[in-house]
Protein backbone atom coordinates (compact mmCIF):
# COMPACT_ATOMS: atom_id res chain seq x y z
CA GLN A 1 26.88 -23.95 -1.59
CA TYR A 2 27.53 -20.40 -0.57
CA MET A 3 25.98 -17.57 1.42
CA TRP A 4 25.69 -13.98 0.38
CA ASN A 5 25.63 -11.76 3.44
CA ASN A 6 23.76 -13.53 6.23
CA GLY A 7 20.37 -13.72 4.48
CA LEU A 8 20.84 -15.49 1.11
CA LEU A 9 21.83 -19.13 0.68
CA PHE A 10 22.59 -20.57 -2.76
CA THR A 11 22.64 -24.36 -3.22
CA PRO A 12 23.42 -25.07 -6.88
CA VAL A 13 23.61 -28.49 -8.50
CA LEU A 14 27.19 -29.03 -9.67
CA THR A 15 26.90 -32.61 -10.98
CA GLU A 16 25.88 -32.92 -14.64
CA GLY A 17 22.41 -34.47 -15.04
CA ALA A 18 21.63 -34.49 -11.32
CA THR A 19 18.09 -33.56 -10.36
CA SER A 20 18.71 -33.02 -6.62
CA VAL A 21 21.42 -31.60 -4.35
CA SER A 22 22.10 -31.87 -0.65
CA GLY A 23 22.72 -28.67 1.26
CA TYR A 24 23.40 -27.53 4.77
CA PHE A 25 21.03 -24.90 6.27
CA PRO A 26 22.32 -22.98 9.29
CA LYS A 27 19.99 -22.43 12.26
CA GLY A 28 16.93 -20.48 11.24
CA VAL A 29 13.94 -20.67 8.98
CA TRP A 30 14.79 -20.55 5.23
CA TYR A 31 12.24 -19.63 2.60
CA ASP A 32 12.59 -20.76 -1.02
CA MET A 33 12.97 -17.52 -3.03
CA MET A 34 10.94 -18.87 -5.96
CA ASP A 35 8.25 -20.50 -3.78
CA PRO A 36 7.99 -18.69 -0.40
CA ALA A 37 5.35 -21.22 0.75
CA SER A 38 8.15 -23.85 0.67
CA MET A 39 10.59 -23.56 3.53
CA VAL A 40 13.33 -25.35 5.40
CA ASP A 41 12.83 -25.31 9.15
CA ALA A 42 16.19 -25.36 10.90
CA SER A 43 14.84 -23.28 13.85
CA LEU A 44 16.34 -25.66 16.46
CA ALA A 45 19.68 -26.41 14.80
CA GLY A 46 21.34 -26.56 11.44
CA VAL A 47 20.09 -29.27 9.13
CA GLN A 48 21.23 -31.13 6.04
CA VAL A 49 18.42 -31.28 3.36
CA ASP A 50 18.09 -32.94 -0.05
CA LEU A 51 16.59 -30.47 -2.50
CA PRO A 52 14.90 -31.59 -5.66
CA THR A 53 16.14 -29.29 -8.42
CA ALA A 54 15.11 -28.82 -12.05
CA LEU A 55 17.96 -28.85 -14.57
CA THR A 56 17.46 -25.17 -15.32
CA ALA A 57 17.09 -24.01 -11.65
CA THR A 58 19.32 -22.92 -8.82
CA ASN A 59 18.20 -23.22 -5.19
CA VAL A 60 18.08 -19.83 -3.51
CA HIS A 61 16.76 -19.50 0.05
CA VAL A 62 16.15 -16.43 2.19
CA ARG A 63 16.68 -16.58 5.92
CA GLY A 64 13.75 -15.56 8.04
CA GLY A 65 14.26 -12.14 9.61
CA THR A 66 15.78 -10.72 6.33
CA VAL A 67 14.57 -7.83 4.19
CA LEU A 68 15.96 -8.15 0.69
CA PRO A 69 15.76 -5.13 -1.61
CA MET A 70 15.44 -6.14 -5.23
CA GLN A 71 15.51 -4.13 -8.38
CA GLY A 72 15.29 -4.73 -12.15
CA ALA A 73 18.38 -5.26 -14.21
CA GLY A 74 20.18 -2.67 -16.32
CA MET A 75 23.42 -2.47 -18.29
CA THR A 76 24.58 0.35 -16.12
CA THR A 77 23.91 1.54 -12.54
CA LYS A 78 22.05 4.50 -13.94
CA GLU A 79 19.76 2.25 -16.04
CA ALA A 80 19.14 -0.10 -13.13
CA ARG A 81 18.27 2.83 -10.82
CA ALA A 82 15.47 3.74 -13.24
CA THR A 83 13.64 0.46 -12.47
CA PRO A 84 11.33 0.15 -9.44
CA PHE A 85 12.39 -1.39 -6.15
CA LYS A 86 10.69 -4.38 -4.57
CA LEU A 87 11.16 -5.56 -1.03
CA LEU A 88 11.13 -9.29 -0.23
CA VAL A 89 10.35 -9.57 3.46
CA ALA A 90 11.03 -12.92 5.09
CA LEU A 91 9.71 -12.84 8.62
CA ASP A 92 11.52 -14.48 11.50
CA ALA A 93 9.38 -17.40 12.68
CA GLU A 94 9.49 -16.49 16.39
CA LYS A 95 9.39 -12.69 16.57
CA ARG A 96 7.61 -12.14 13.22
CA GLU A 97 10.16 -9.38 12.46
CA ALA A 98 12.59 -8.65 9.71
CA SER A 99 15.32 -6.04 8.97
CA GLY A 100 17.81 -5.16 6.29
CA SER A 101 19.86 -2.33 4.78
CA LEU A 102 20.33 -0.78 1.41
CA TYR A 103 23.17 1.29 -0.13
CA LEU A 104 22.19 3.47 -3.11
CA ASP A 105 24.75 4.38 -5.70
CA ASP A 106 23.71 7.41 -7.74
CA GLY A 107 25.41 6.01 -10.82
CA MET A 108 26.81 9.46 -11.61
CA GLN A 109 29.96 9.88 -9.48
CA GLN A 110 33.21 8.33 -10.54
């Protein structure tokens, strides 16, 4: 299990043939990136949760209060920059707010 920044939590299955994995969720509300209606409520304290996982899936959760900029793939930064941006907004459960930041590389400078 690992976190990327403070808003993305990855909980992969590492045991061959396993169809679930146990993961720790730090305090907050965590939304399943593939099914935002599904969430882990750790608003009072961190919790350990068993996650059913398809053999071809990886569990990715977004912390409430996070804005996650997303963009299509490309072989180069220049190609990726030609794809449209999408913003995934995961609202904080209490304040109903979210924030984030984005660094844009022009793909031209070396």
